[in-house]
Amino acid sequence: MNKKSTIITWSVVGVIIIAIIIIAAYNHHKNSEMAMTQSGSSTQMTEPTPSPTPTAAATPTATGAASLSYQEALKKYPERFQFNSCQGTPATIAVRKNTPVMLDNRDKVGHTFVADKQTFKLGGYGYYVFYPETVGNLTVTCDGKNSVTLNVEQ
């Protein structure tokens, strides 16, 4: 083999090795994001994980973890606030104490929500169902901004 052939061969091998490393790093990153999205957490915290179409996600509730697809959650929890750029709609919801309320992050980035003295970190396109226990008008904030009001009745 001449010197030019050897250089070309080693160059091709080097490019292939670099491509394999890049693909492995990308797959590892995607698998880490998927694991964070699918794992339920008893501390009510999840990492931001963008996903254009919500899929099954672990949703911790007061009675334990339950896995529902986003579409199933929309049907099961009609009382919900949807947040887009931390702007919640509707502006006010009235519910009875311990009625499940869904916080629905419609952004591709994660946000921190506070409701009824509880903090929730929702990833992109994530949701969380909580059960308000405090009677009265509760402010639900998104990243520290007053966003919506939850009127909890006895």
N, C-alpha and C. Protein backbone atom coordinates (compact mmCIF):
# COMPACT_ATOMS: atom_id res chain seq x y z
N MET A 1 0.85 -1.16 0.00
CA MET A 1 0.00 0.00 0.00
C MET A 1 0.90 1.24 0.00
N ASN A 2 0.56 2.21 -0.83
CA ASN A 2 1.39 3.40 -0.85
C ASN A 2 0.94 4.38 0.21
N LYS A 3 1.74 5.43 0.40
CA LYS A 3 1.51 6.40 1.48
C LYS A 3 0.18 7.13 1.29
N LYS A 4 -0.19 7.48 0.07
CA LYS A 4 -1.44 8.19 -0.20
C LYS A 4 -2.65 7.33 0.16
N SER A 5 -2.62 6.04 -0.17
CA SER A 5 -3.72 5.12 0.16
C SER A 5 -3.86 4.96 1.67
N THR A 6 -2.76 4.88 2.37
CA THR A 6 -2.78 4.75 3.82
C THR A 6 -3.40 5.98 4.46
N ILE A 7 -3.05 7.17 3.99
CA ILE A 7 -3.62 8.41 4.54
C ILE A 7 -5.12 8.46 4.30
N ILE A 8 -5.54 8.09 3.09
CA ILE A 8 -6.98 8.09 2.77
C ILE A 8 -7.72 7.08 3.65
N THR A 9 -7.15 5.89 3.80
CA THR A 9 -7.79 4.85 4.62
C THR A 9 -7.95 5.32 6.06
N TRP A 10 -6.88 5.86 6.65
CA TRP A 10 -6.97 6.33 8.04
C TRP A 10 -7.90 7.53 8.17
N SER A 11 -7.98 8.36 7.16
CA SER A 11 -8.92 9.50 7.19
C SER A 11 -10.35 9.01 7.20
N VAL A 12 -10.66 8.01 6.36
CA VAL A 12 -12.01 7.44 6.32
C VAL A 12 -12.34 6.78 7.66
N VAL A 13 -11.41 6.04 8.24
CA VAL A 13 -11.62 5.40 9.54
C VAL A 13 -11.88 6.46 10.61
N GLY A 14 -11.11 7.54 10.57
CA GLY A 14 -11.30 8.62 11.55
C GLY A 14 -12.67 9.26 11.43
N VAL A 15 -13.12 9.51 10.20
CA VAL A 15 -14.45 10.10 9.99
C VAL A 15 -15.54 9.16 10.49
N ILE A 16 -15.39 7.88 10.25
CA ILE A 16 -16.38 6.90 10.71
C ILE A 16 -16.42 6.88 12.24
N ILE A 17 -15.27 6.89 12.89
CA ILE A 17 -15.22 6.89 14.36
C ILE A 17 -15.88 8.15 14.92
N ILE A 18 -15.60 9.29 14.33
CA ILE A 18 -16.23 10.54 14.79
C ILE A 18 -17.74 10.47 14.61
N ALA A 19 -18.21 9.95 13.48
CA ALA A 19 -19.66 9.82 13.24
C ALA A 19 -20.30 8.91 14.28
N ILE A 20 -19.64 7.80 14.60
CA ILE A 20 -20.17 6.87 15.61
C ILE A 20 -20.26 7.55 16.97
N ILE A 21 -19.25 8.31 17.34
CA ILE A 21 -19.27 9.02 18.63
C ILE A 21 -20.41 10.04 18.67
N ILE A 22 -20.60 10.78 17.60
CA ILE A 22 -21.68 11.78 17.55
C ILE A 22 -23.04 11.11 17.65
N ILE A 23 -23.25 10.02 16.93
CA ILE A 23 -24.53 9.30 16.97
C ILE A 23 -24.78 8.73 18.36
N ALA A 24 -23.74 8.15 18.98
CA ALA A 24 -23.89 7.58 20.32
C ALA A 24 -24.24 8.67 21.34
N ALA A 25 -23.58 9.84 21.24
CA ALA A 25 -23.88 10.94 22.16
C ALA A 25 -25.30 11.44 21.97
N TYR A 26 -25.74 11.56 20.74
CA TYR A 26 -27.11 12.01 20.45
C TYR A 26 -28.12 11.03 21.02
N ASN A 27 -27.91 9.72 20.79
CA ASN A 27 -28.84 8.71 21.31
C ASN A 27 -28.85 8.70 22.84
N HIS A 28 -27.70 8.87 23.46
CA HIS A 28 -27.63 8.91 24.92
C HIS A 28 -28.43 10.11 25.45
N HIS A 29 -28.28 11.25 24.80
CA HIS A 29 -29.02 12.46 25.20
C HIS A 29 -30.52 12.23 25.06
N LYS A 30 -30.97 11.68 23.95
CA LYS A 30 -32.39 11.42 23.73
C LYS A 30 -32.93 10.42 24.74
N ASN A 31 -32.17 9.36 25.03
CA ASN A 31 -32.60 8.36 26.02
C ASN A 31 -32.70 8.97 27.41
N SER A 32 -31.80 9.88 27.76
CA SER A 32 -31.86 10.56 29.05
C SER A 32 -33.11 11.41 29.15
N GLU A 33 -33.43 12.14 28.07
CA GLU A 33 -34.64 12.95 28.07
C GLU A 33 -35.87 12.09 28.21
N MET A 34 -35.91 10.96 27.50
CA MET A 34 -37.06 10.08 27.55
C MET A 34 -37.23 9.49 28.96
N ALA A 35 -36.14 9.12 29.59
CA ALA A 35 -36.20 8.56 30.94
C ALA A 35 -36.74 9.59 31.92
N MET A 36 -36.32 10.87 31.78
CA MET A 36 -36.82 11.92 32.66
C MET A 36 -38.30 12.15 32.44
N THR A 37 -38.77 12.06 31.19
CA THR A 37 -40.17 12.30 30.88
C THR A 37 -41.04 11.20 31.45
N GLN A 38 -40.56 9.95 31.40
CA GLN A 38 -41.39 8.82 31.80
C GLN A 38 -41.32 8.49 33.27
N SER A 39 -40.35 9.01 34.00
CA SER A 39 -40.22 8.65 35.41
C SER A 39 -41.11 9.54 36.26
N GLY A 40 -41.89 8.92 37.13
CA GLY A 40 -42.69 9.67 38.09
C GLY A 40 -41.81 10.07 39.25
N SER A 41 -42.16 11.13 39.92
CA SER A 41 -41.33 11.59 41.03
C SER A 41 -42.21 11.93 42.20
N SER A 42 -41.90 11.37 43.36
CA SER A 42 -42.70 11.64 44.54
C SER A 42 -42.49 13.05 45.06
N THR A 43 -41.46 13.74 44.57
CA THR A 43 -41.21 15.10 45.02
C THR A 43 -41.88 16.12 44.10
N GLN A 44 -42.66 15.67 43.15
CA GLN A 44 -43.42 16.52 42.25
C GLN A 44 -42.52 17.37 41.37
N MET A 45 -41.34 16.87 41.01
CA MET A 45 -40.41 17.63 40.18
C MET A 45 -40.08 16.82 38.93
N THR A 46 -40.13 17.45 37.77
CA THR A 46 -39.66 16.83 36.54
C THR A 46 -38.79 17.83 35.82
N GLU A 47 -37.88 17.34 35.02
CA GLU A 47 -36.99 18.21 34.25
C GLU A 47 -37.67 18.61 32.95
N PRO A 48 -37.35 19.78 32.42
CA PRO A 48 -37.91 20.18 31.13
C PRO A 48 -37.45 19.24 30.03
N THR A 49 -38.44 18.69 29.30
CA THR A 49 -38.14 17.81 28.20
C THR A 49 -39.09 18.14 27.06
N PRO A 50 -38.62 18.89 26.06
CA PRO A 50 -39.48 19.28 24.96
C PRO A 50 -40.02 18.09 24.20
N SER A 51 -41.27 18.17 23.81
CA SER A 51 -41.92 17.15 23.00
C SER A 51 -43.09 17.82 22.30
N PRO A 52 -43.09 17.88 20.98
CA PRO A 52 -44.14 18.60 20.28
C PRO A 52 -45.52 18.00 20.49
N THR A 53 -45.63 16.70 20.67
CA THR A 53 -46.90 16.05 20.89
C THR A 53 -46.84 15.30 22.20
N PRO A 54 -47.62 15.69 23.21
CA PRO A 54 -47.56 14.99 24.48
C PRO A 54 -47.92 13.53 24.32
N THR A 55 -47.20 12.68 25.01
CA THR A 55 -47.47 11.25 24.99
C THR A 55 -47.69 10.81 26.44
N ALA A 56 -47.71 9.52 26.67
CA ALA A 56 -47.92 9.04 28.03
C ALA A 56 -46.88 9.65 28.96
N ALA A 57 -47.34 10.12 30.08
CA ALA A 57 -46.43 10.72 31.06
C ALA A 57 -46.87 10.32 32.44
N ALA A 58 -45.92 10.06 33.30
CA ALA A 58 -46.25 9.75 34.68
C ALA A 58 -46.79 11.01 35.33
N THR A 59 -47.93 10.88 35.98
CA THR A 59 -48.55 12.02 36.62
C THR A 59 -48.80 11.70 38.08
N PRO A 60 -47.91 12.11 38.96
CA PRO A 60 -48.13 11.85 40.37
C PRO A 60 -49.37 12.59 40.87
N THR A 61 -50.15 11.95 41.67
CA THR A 61 -51.32 12.59 42.27
C THR A 61 -51.27 12.34 43.76
N ALA A 62 -52.25 12.86 44.47
CA ALA A 62 -52.28 12.69 45.92
C ALA A 62 -52.41 11.22 46.31
N THR A 63 -52.93 10.40 45.42
CA THR A 63 -53.13 8.99 45.74
C THR A 63 -52.05 8.10 45.14
N GLY A 64 -51.03 8.68 44.53
CA GLY A 64 -49.96 7.89 43.94
C GLY A 64 -49.78 8.23 42.47
N ALA A 65 -48.91 7.50 41.80
CA ALA A 65 -48.60 7.79 40.40
C ALA A 65 -49.55 7.04 39.49
N ALA A 66 -49.94 7.71 38.40
CA ALA A 66 -50.78 7.10 37.39
C ALA A 66 -50.27 7.53 36.04
N SER A 67 -50.24 6.61 35.09
CA SER A 67 -49.78 6.96 33.75
C SER A 67 -50.97 7.14 32.84
N LEU A 68 -51.07 8.33 32.28
CA LEU A 68 -52.12 8.65 31.33
C LEU A 68 -51.50 9.35 30.15
N SER A 69 -52.02 9.08 28.97
CA SER A 69 -51.59 9.87 27.83
C SER A 69 -52.17 11.27 28.00
N TYR A 70 -51.64 12.20 27.27
CA TYR A 70 -52.13 13.57 27.35
C TYR A 70 -53.62 13.63 27.00
N GLN A 71 -54.02 12.93 25.96
CA GLN A 71 -55.44 12.92 25.54
C GLN A 71 -56.33 12.33 26.62
N GLU A 72 -55.88 11.27 27.29
CA GLU A 72 -56.65 10.68 28.38
C GLU A 72 -56.76 11.65 29.55
N ALA A 73 -55.68 12.36 29.85
CA ALA A 73 -55.69 13.33 30.94
C ALA A 73 -56.67 14.46 30.64
N LEU A 74 -56.71 14.92 29.40
CA LEU A 74 -57.67 15.98 29.04
C LEU A 74 -59.10 15.54 29.29
N LYS A 75 -59.40 14.28 28.99
CA LYS A 75 -60.76 13.76 29.21
C LYS A 75 -61.04 13.57 30.70
N LYS A 76 -60.06 13.06 31.43
CA LYS A 76 -60.27 12.73 32.84
C LYS A 76 -60.32 13.96 33.73
N TYR A 77 -59.57 15.02 33.37
CA TYR A 77 -59.48 16.21 34.22
C TYR A 77 -60.00 17.45 33.49
N PRO A 78 -61.31 17.65 33.52
CA PRO A 78 -61.88 18.81 32.80
C PRO A 78 -61.52 20.15 33.45
N GLU A 79 -61.20 20.14 34.74
CA GLU A 79 -60.81 21.37 35.43
C GLU A 79 -59.32 21.55 35.23
N ARG A 80 -58.94 22.49 34.37
CA ARG A 80 -57.52 22.66 34.07
C ARG A 80 -57.20 24.07 33.64
N PHE A 81 -55.97 24.44 33.92
CA PHE A 81 -55.40 25.69 33.44
C PHE A 81 -54.37 25.32 32.38
N GLN A 82 -54.48 25.94 31.23
CA GLN A 82 -53.46 25.76 30.20
C GLN A 82 -52.60 27.01 30.15
N PHE A 83 -51.29 26.81 30.14
CA PHE A 83 -50.34 27.92 30.15
C PHE A 83 -49.55 27.95 28.85
N ASN A 84 -49.55 29.12 28.22
CA ASN A 84 -48.75 29.35 27.03
C ASN A 84 -47.96 30.63 27.29
N SER A 85 -46.64 30.53 27.28
CA SER A 85 -45.76 31.65 27.64
C SER A 85 -46.13 32.20 29.02
N CYS A 86 -46.44 31.30 29.94
CA CYS A 86 -46.84 31.62 31.32
C CYS A 86 -48.13 32.42 31.42
N GLN A 87 -48.90 32.50 30.37
CA GLN A 87 -50.22 33.13 30.42
C GLN A 87 -51.24 32.00 30.53
N GLY A 88 -51.97 31.98 31.66
CA GLY A 88 -52.91 30.90 31.90
C GLY A 88 -54.31 31.22 31.42
N THR A 89 -55.00 30.19 30.93
CA THR A 89 -56.41 30.29 30.57
C THR A 89 -57.11 29.05 31.11
N PRO A 90 -58.31 29.21 31.59
CA PRO A 90 -59.03 30.47 31.81
C PRO A 90 -58.40 31.24 32.97
N ALA A 91 -58.87 32.46 33.17
CA ALA A 91 -58.32 33.32 34.22
C ALA A 91 -58.70 32.84 35.61
N THR A 92 -59.89 32.24 35.74
CA THR A 92 -60.38 31.77 37.04
C THR A 92 -61.14 30.46 36.86
N ILE A 93 -60.96 29.57 37.82
CA ILE A 93 -61.74 28.33 37.89
C ILE A 93 -62.23 28.19 39.32
N ALA A 94 -63.47 27.74 39.48
CA ALA A 94 -64.01 27.45 40.81
C ALA A 94 -64.20 25.94 40.92
N VAL A 95 -63.65 25.37 42.01
CA VAL A 95 -63.78 23.94 42.26
C VAL A 95 -64.04 23.70 43.74
N ARG A 96 -64.47 22.52 44.06
CA ARG A 96 -64.59 22.12 45.46
C ARG A 96 -63.23 21.64 45.95
N LYS A 97 -63.04 21.71 47.26
CA LYS A 97 -61.80 21.25 47.89
C LYS A 97 -61.51 19.81 47.46
N ASN A 98 -60.24 19.52 47.18
CA ASN A 98 -59.75 18.19 46.78
C ASN A 98 -60.25 17.72 45.41
N THR A 99 -60.76 18.64 44.59
CA THR A 99 -61.12 18.31 43.21
C THR A 99 -59.84 18.37 42.37
N PRO A 100 -59.59 17.36 41.54
CA PRO A 100 -58.35 17.40 40.76
C PRO A 100 -58.34 18.56 39.76
N VAL A 101 -57.21 19.27 39.74
CA VAL A 101 -57.02 20.39 38.81
C VAL A 101 -55.73 20.12 38.04
N MET A 102 -55.81 20.23 36.73
CA MET A 102 -54.67 19.95 35.87
C MET A 102 -53.95 21.25 35.50
N LEU A 103 -52.64 21.27 35.71
CA LEU A 103 -51.80 22.37 35.24
C LEU A 103 -51.15 21.85 33.95
N ASP A 104 -51.36 22.56 32.86
CA ASP A 104 -50.98 22.08 31.54
C ASP A 104 -50.03 23.07 30.87
N ASN A 105 -48.76 22.71 30.78
CA ASN A 105 -47.75 23.58 30.17
C ASN A 105 -47.72 23.36 28.67
N ARG A 106 -48.15 24.32 27.90
CA ARG A 106 -48.20 24.19 26.43
C ARG A 106 -46.97 24.76 25.76
N ASP A 107 -45.95 25.09 26.50
CA ASP A 107 -44.70 25.59 25.93
C ASP A 107 -43.72 24.44 25.70
N LYS A 108 -42.80 24.64 24.77
CA LYS A 108 -41.79 23.61 24.55
C LYS A 108 -40.68 23.67 25.60
N VAL A 109 -40.69 24.70 26.43
CA VAL A 109 -39.72 24.82 27.51
C VAL A 109 -40.42 24.62 28.85
N GLY A 110 -39.65 24.21 29.85
CA GLY A 110 -40.21 23.97 31.17
C GLY A 110 -40.45 25.26 31.94
N HIS A 111 -41.35 25.20 32.91
CA HIS A 111 -41.66 26.33 33.78
C HIS A 111 -41.89 25.81 35.20
N THR A 112 -41.78 26.70 36.17
CA THR A 112 -42.05 26.38 37.56
C THR A 112 -43.38 26.98 37.95
N PHE A 113 -44.28 26.15 38.45
CA PHE A 113 -45.61 26.58 38.86
C PHE A 113 -45.74 26.45 40.37
N VAL A 114 -46.45 27.39 40.98
CA VAL A 114 -46.74 27.32 42.40
C VAL A 114 -48.25 27.44 42.56
N ALA A 115 -48.83 26.49 43.30
CA ALA A 115 -50.27 26.49 43.56
C ALA A 115 -50.51 25.83 44.91
N ASP A 116 -51.33 26.46 45.73
CA ASP A 116 -51.69 25.91 47.04
C ASP A 116 -50.45 25.51 47.85
N LYS A 117 -49.46 26.40 47.88
CA LYS A 117 -48.21 26.20 48.63
C LYS A 117 -47.39 25.00 48.13
N GLN A 118 -47.65 24.54 46.91
CA GLN A 118 -46.91 23.44 46.32
C GLN A 118 -46.19 23.96 45.08
N THR A 119 -44.99 23.44 44.83
CA THR A 119 -44.22 23.83 43.66
C THR A 119 -44.13 22.66 42.70
N PHE A 120 -44.34 22.96 41.43
CA PHE A 120 -44.30 21.95 40.38
C PHE A 120 -43.39 22.44 39.26
N LYS A 121 -42.41 21.64 38.88
CA LYS A 121 -41.57 21.97 37.73
C LYS A 121 -42.02 21.08 36.59
N LEU A 122 -42.63 21.71 35.60
CA LEU A 122 -43.16 20.94 34.48
C LEU A 122 -42.28 21.13 33.26
N GLY A 123 -41.94 20.03 32.63
CA GLY A 123 -41.18 20.08 31.40
C GLY A 123 -42.03 20.62 30.26
N GLY A 124 -41.40 20.83 29.13
CA GLY A 124 -42.12 21.29 27.95
C GLY A 124 -43.24 20.32 27.61
N TYR A 125 -44.41 20.87 27.36
CA TYR A 125 -45.62 20.10 27.03
C TYR A 125 -45.99 19.11 28.12
N GLY A 126 -45.59 19.39 29.35
CA GLY A 126 -45.91 18.51 30.46
C GLY A 126 -47.17 18.96 31.18
N TYR A 127 -47.70 18.08 32.01
CA TYR A 127 -48.87 18.44 32.81
C TYR A 127 -48.72 17.81 34.19
N TYR A 128 -49.51 18.35 35.12
CA TYR A 128 -49.52 17.83 36.48
C TYR A 128 -50.92 18.00 37.04
N VAL A 129 -51.38 17.01 37.76
CA VAL A 129 -52.70 17.06 38.39
C VAL A 129 -52.50 17.18 39.90
N PHE A 130 -53.10 18.20 40.49
CA PHE A 130 -53.00 18.35 41.94
C PHE A 130 -54.39 18.52 42.53
N TYR A 131 -54.46 18.31 43.84
CA TYR A 131 -55.72 18.36 44.57
C TYR A 131 -55.64 19.48 45.60
N PRO A 132 -56.26 20.64 45.32
CA PRO A 132 -56.16 21.76 46.26
C PRO A 132 -56.86 21.44 47.58
N GLU A 133 -56.19 21.77 48.66
CA GLU A 133 -56.73 21.49 49.99
C GLU A 133 -57.10 22.75 50.75
N THR A 134 -56.63 23.90 50.29
CA THR A 134 -56.89 25.16 50.97
C THR A 134 -58.13 25.83 50.38
N VAL A 135 -59.09 26.15 51.24
CA VAL A 135 -60.31 26.82 50.78
C VAL A 135 -60.03 28.31 50.63
N GLY A 136 -60.54 28.89 49.54
CA GLY A 136 -60.36 30.31 49.28
C GLY A 136 -59.82 30.54 47.88
N ASN A 137 -59.44 31.78 47.60
CA ASN A 137 -58.89 32.13 46.30
C ASN A 137 -57.38 31.90 46.31
N LEU A 138 -56.92 30.98 45.49
CA LEU A 138 -55.50 30.65 45.39
C LEU A 138 -54.94 31.22 44.09
N THR A 139 -53.79 31.84 44.17
CA THR A 139 -53.13 32.31 42.97
C THR A 139 -52.20 31.22 42.48
N VAL A 140 -52.30 30.91 41.21
CA VAL A 140 -51.40 29.94 40.58
C VAL A 140 -50.41 30.74 39.75
N THR A 141 -49.12 30.59 40.08
CA THR A 141 -48.11 31.37 39.37
C THR A 141 -47.30 30.48 38.43
N CYS A 142 -46.77 31.12 37.42
CA CYS A 142 -45.88 30.47 36.46
C CYS A 142 -44.60 31.29 36.42
N ASP A 143 -43.50 30.67 36.82
CA ASP A 143 -42.21 31.36 36.91
C ASP A 143 -42.30 32.65 37.73
N GLY A 144 -43.08 32.60 38.81
CA GLY A 144 -43.18 33.72 39.74
C GLY A 144 -44.16 34.81 39.35
N LYS A 145 -44.84 34.67 38.23
CA LYS A 145 -45.79 35.69 37.80
C LYS A 145 -47.20 35.26 38.18
N ASN A 146 -48.03 36.23 38.65
CA ASN A 146 -49.43 35.90 38.92
C ASN A 146 -50.10 35.58 37.59
N SER A 147 -50.63 34.40 37.51
CA SER A 147 -51.19 33.98 36.23
C SER A 147 -52.70 33.77 36.27
N VAL A 148 -53.17 32.93 37.18
CA VAL A 148 -54.59 32.59 37.23
C VAL A 148 -55.03 32.46 38.68
N THR A 149 -56.34 32.40 38.88
CA THR A 149 -56.91 32.26 40.22
C THR A 149 -57.74 30.99 40.28
N LEU A 150 -57.52 30.23 41.34
CA LEU A 150 -58.30 29.01 41.61
C LEU A 150 -59.14 29.28 42.83
N ASN A 151 -60.46 29.33 42.66
CA ASN A 151 -61.40 29.55 43.76
C ASN A 151 -61.81 28.19 44.29
N VAL A 152 -61.32 27.85 45.49
CA VAL A 152 -61.59 26.55 46.09
C VAL A 152 -62.67 26.72 47.14
N GLU A 153 -63.76 25.99 46.94
CA GLU A 153 -64.90 26.05 47.86
C GLU A 153 -64.95 24.79 48.71
N GLN A 154 -65.62 24.89 49.85
CA GLN A 154 -65.75 23.78 50.78
C GLN A 154 -66.50 22.67 50.17
